Amino acid sequence: MYVIRTDKLKNRIYITLGAIETGEGEKLVAGIKAETAALTPGFACVSDITRFAVLDPREAVWADQALKSLADAGMTRAVRVTGQKVEYRETREKYGYTVGLAETMEDADRILDRP
């Protein structure tokens, strides 16, 4: 299960990941590519991974494809929502964008709303 939505005013994509079943990974990557086409390069991503699980180990390969497609489309910042209290700090991922962690979606939005 996953949900993808965009906010064109904030130039942001929101991805909520649940239990990913067989065949869903490829659809997720295609959905990300379709949704990011409406955003401007330099966009940010909020991904809620609080309920994320891969039910079929063969589906794990899509995770890297999803991250690469976001970077290729122009994502420069990401915040992952973990559902756990965390101290915010950013690190650089292998595809060149920065990523941080947040407890809630609201926290992630506040982080990204700051310059």
C-alpha atoms as a PDB file:
ATOM      1  CA  MET A   1       0.000   0.000   0.000  1.00  0.00           C
ATOM      2  CA  TYR A   2       1.241   3.461  -0.840  1.00  0.00           C
ATOM      3  CA  VAL A   3      -0.151   6.931  -1.455  1.00  0.00           C
ATOM      4  CA  ILE A   4       1.520   9.638  -3.553  1.00  0.00           C
ATOM      5  CA  ARG A   5       0.370  13.247  -3.737  1.00  0.00           C
ATOM      6  CA  THR A   6       1.946  16.541  -4.732  1.00  0.00           C
ATOM      7  CA  ASP A   7       1.613  20.123  -3.578  1.00  0.00           C
ATOM      8  CA  LYS A   8       2.510  22.292  -6.552  1.00  0.00           C
ATOM      9  CA  LEU A   9       2.480  25.519  -4.491  1.00  0.00           C
ATOM     10  CA  LYS A  10       5.105  24.125  -2.121  1.00  0.00           C
ATOM     11  CA  ASN A  11       6.821  22.229  -4.962  1.00  0.00           C
ATOM     12  CA  ARG A  12       6.695  19.089  -2.850  1.00  0.00           C
ATOM     13  CA  ILE A  13       5.840  15.413  -3.244  1.00  0.00           C
ATOM     14  CA  TYR A  14       4.394  13.377  -0.368  1.00  0.00           C
ATOM     15  CA  ILE A  15       4.816   9.613  -0.323  1.00  0.00           C
ATOM     16  CA  THR A  16       3.218   7.430   2.348  1.00  0.00           C
ATOM     17  CA  LEU A  17       4.514   3.869   2.383  1.00  0.00           C
ATOM     18  CA  GLY A  18       2.759   0.947   4.053  1.00  0.00           C
ATOM     19  CA  ALA A  19       3.166  -2.757   3.449  1.00  0.00           C
ATOM     20  CA  ILE A  20       4.448  -3.115  -0.122  1.00  0.00           C
ATOM     21  CA  GLU A  21       3.118  -6.283  -1.711  1.00  0.00           C
ATOM     22  CA  THR A  22       4.260  -8.223  -4.765  1.00  0.00           C
ATOM     23  CA  GLY A  23       4.056  -6.047  -7.868  1.00  0.00           C
ATOM     24  CA  GLU A  24       3.537  -2.751  -6.042  1.00  0.00           C
ATOM     25  CA  GLY A  25       7.151  -1.566  -6.158  1.00  0.00           C
ATOM     26  CA  GLU A  26       7.173  -1.123  -9.911  1.00  0.00           C
ATOM     27  CA  LYS A  27       3.834   0.719  -9.777  1.00  0.00           C
ATOM     28  CA  LEU A  28       5.190   2.976  -7.037  1.00  0.00           C
ATOM     29  CA  VAL A  29       8.199   3.983  -9.151  1.00  0.00           C
ATOM     30  CA  ALA A  30       5.916   4.699 -12.127  1.00  0.00           C
ATOM     31  CA  GLY A  31       3.643   6.770  -9.885  1.00  0.00           C
ATOM     32  CA  ILE A  32       6.576   8.781  -8.573  1.00  0.00           C
ATOM     33  CA  LYS A  33       7.744   9.511 -12.113  1.00  0.00           C
ATOM     34  CA  ALA A  34       4.246  10.630 -13.134  1.00  0.00           C
ATOM     35  CA  GLU A  35       3.766  12.884 -10.103  1.00  0.00           C
ATOM     36  CA  THR A  36       7.210  14.501 -10.217  1.00  0.00           C
ATOM     37  CA  ALA A  37       6.595  15.536 -13.830  1.00  0.00           C
ATOM     38  CA  ALA A  38       4.256  18.219 -12.439  1.00  0.00           C
ATOM     39  CA  LEU A  39       6.920  19.651 -10.102  1.00  0.00           C
ATOM     40  CA  THR A  40       9.752  22.083 -10.746  1.00  0.00           C
ATOM     41  CA  PRO A  41      13.375  20.894 -10.318  1.00  0.00           C
ATOM     42  CA  GLY A  42      14.517  21.750  -6.813  1.00  0.00           C
ATOM     43  CA  PHE A  43      11.410  20.147  -5.272  1.00  0.00           C
ATOM     44  CA  ALA A  44      11.357  18.450  -1.869  1.00  0.00           C
ATOM     45  CA  CYS A  45       9.940  15.100  -0.758  1.00  0.00           C
ATOM     46  CA  VAL A  46       8.246  14.039   2.473  1.00  0.00           C
ATOM     47  CA  SER A  47       8.103  10.271   2.831  1.00  0.00           C
ATOM     48  CA  ASP A  48       6.149   8.701   5.686  1.00  0.00           C
ATOM     49  CA  ILE A  49       7.816   5.389   6.493  1.00  0.00           C
ATOM     50  CA  THR A  50       6.126   4.789   9.866  1.00  0.00           C
ATOM     51  CA  ARG A  51       4.246   1.720   8.553  1.00  0.00           C
ATOM     52  CA  PHE A  52       6.650   0.746   5.784  1.00  0.00           C
ATOM     53  CA  ALA A  53       7.367  -2.938   5.216  1.00  0.00           C
ATOM     54  CA  VAL A  54       8.361  -4.995   2.188  1.00  0.00           C
ATOM     55  CA  LEU A  55       6.300  -8.189   2.237  1.00  0.00           C
ATOM     56  CA  ASP A  56       8.062  -9.788  -0.743  1.00  0.00           C
ATOM     57  CA  PRO A  57      11.890  -9.588  -0.580  1.00  0.00           C
ATOM     58  CA  ARG A  58      11.994  -9.506  -4.404  1.00  0.00           C
ATOM     59  CA  GLU A  59      10.289  -6.105  -4.225  1.00  0.00           C
ATOM     60  CA  ALA A  60      13.258  -4.497  -2.426  1.00  0.00           C
ATOM     61  CA  VAL A  61      14.983  -3.583  -5.703  1.00  0.00           C
ATOM     62  CA  TRP A  62      12.429  -0.840  -6.416  1.00  0.00           C
ATOM     63  CA  ALA A  63      13.518   1.190  -3.372  1.00  0.00           C
ATOM     64  CA  ASP A  64      16.752   2.330  -5.008  1.00  0.00           C
ATOM     65  CA  GLN A  65      14.917   2.926  -8.296  1.00  0.00           C
ATOM     66  CA  ALA A  66      12.432   5.187  -6.484  1.00  0.00           C
ATOM     67  CA  LEU A  67      15.204   7.236  -4.855  1.00  0.00           C
ATOM     68  CA  LYS A  68      17.063   7.565  -8.148  1.00  0.00           C
ATOM     69  CA  SER A  69      13.927   8.630 -10.026  1.00  0.00           C
ATOM     70  CA  LEU A  70      13.268  11.344  -7.426  1.00  0.00           C
ATOM     71  CA  ALA A  71      16.842  12.625  -7.734  1.00  0.00           C
ATOM     72  CA  ASP A  72      16.757  12.455 -11.537  1.00  0.00           C
ATOM     73  CA  ALA A  73      13.523  14.485 -11.555  1.00  0.00           C
ATOM     74  CA  GLY A  74      15.217  17.280  -9.570  1.00  0.00           C
ATOM     75  CA  MET A  75      14.593  16.558  -5.880  1.00  0.00           C
ATOM     76  CA  THR A  76      17.108  18.416  -3.710  1.00  0.00           C
ATOM     77  CA  ARG A  77      15.776  17.815  -0.166  1.00  0.00           C
ATOM     78  CA  ALA A  78      13.883  15.025   1.560  1.00  0.00           C
ATOM     79  CA  VAL A  79      12.534  14.396   5.025  1.00  0.00           C
ATOM     80  CA  ARG A  80      11.574  10.901   6.167  1.00  0.00           C
ATOM     81  CA  VAL A  81       8.828  10.627   8.773  1.00  0.00           C
ATOM     82  CA  THR A  82       9.631   7.866  11.261  1.00  0.00           C
ATOM     83  CA  GLY A  83       6.961   8.261  13.951  1.00  0.00           C
ATOM     84  CA  GLN A  84       9.740   8.443  16.544  1.00  0.00           C
ATOM     85  CA  LYS A  85      11.160  11.447  18.333  1.00  0.00           C
ATOM     86  CA  VAL A  86      14.406  12.359  16.594  1.00  0.00           C
ATOM     87  CA  GLU A  87      16.919  15.168  16.667  1.00  0.00           C
ATOM     88  CA  TYR A  88      16.905  16.750  13.233  1.00  0.00           C
ATOM     89  CA  ARG A  89      20.070  16.674  11.161  1.00  0.00           C
ATOM     90  CA  GLU A  90      20.605  16.414   7.443  1.00  0.00           C
ATOM     91  CA  THR A  91      22.890  14.043   5.588  1.00  0.00           C
ATOM     92  CA  ARG A  92      23.715  13.784   1.901  1.00  0.00           C
ATOM     93  CA  GLU A  93      22.456  10.699   0.080  1.00  0.00           C
ATOM     94  CA  LYS A  94      24.303   8.921  -2.724  1.00  0.00           C
ATOM     95  CA  TYR A  95      22.186  10.637  -5.391  1.00  0.00           C
ATOM     96  CA  GLY A  96      23.199  14.094  -4.176  1.00  0.00           C
ATOM     97  CA  TYR A  97      20.152  15.349  -2.272  1.00  0.00           C
ATOM     98  CA  THR A  98      19.988  16.010   1.465  1.00  0.00           C
ATOM     99  CA  VAL A  99      17.754  13.966   3.750  1.00  0.00           C
ATOM    100  CA  GLY A 100      16.646  14.365   7.338  1.00  0.00           C
ATOM    101  CA  LEU A 101      14.299  12.638   9.757  1.00  0.00           C
ATOM    102  CA  ALA A 102      11.158  13.926  11.468  1.00  0.00           C
ATOM    103  CA  GLU A 103       8.654  12.474  13.917  1.00  0.00           C
ATOM    104  CA  THR A 104       5.482  13.610  12.103  1.00  0.00           C
ATOM    105  CA  MET A 105       4.333  14.887   8.706  1.00  0.00           C
ATOM    106  CA  GLU A 106       3.708  18.281  10.297  1.00  0.00           C
ATOM    107  CA  ASP A 107       7.279  18.371  11.610  1.00  0.00           C
ATOM    108  CA  ALA A 108       8.569  17.465   8.144  1.00  0.00           C
ATOM    109  CA  ASP A 109       6.583  20.282   6.546  1.00  0.00           C
ATOM    110  CA  ARG A 110       7.868  22.784   9.131  1.00  0.00           C
ATOM    111  CA  ILE A 111      11.443  21.712   8.407  1.00  0.00           C
ATOM    112  CA  LEU A 112      11.007  22.077   4.662  1.00  0.00           C
ATOM    113  CA  ASP A 113       9.138  25.382   4.979  1.00  0.00           C
ATOM    114  CA  ARG A 114      12.274  26.918   6.500  1.00  0.00           C
ATOM    115  CA  PRO A 115      14.779  28.331   4.010  1.00  0.00           C
END
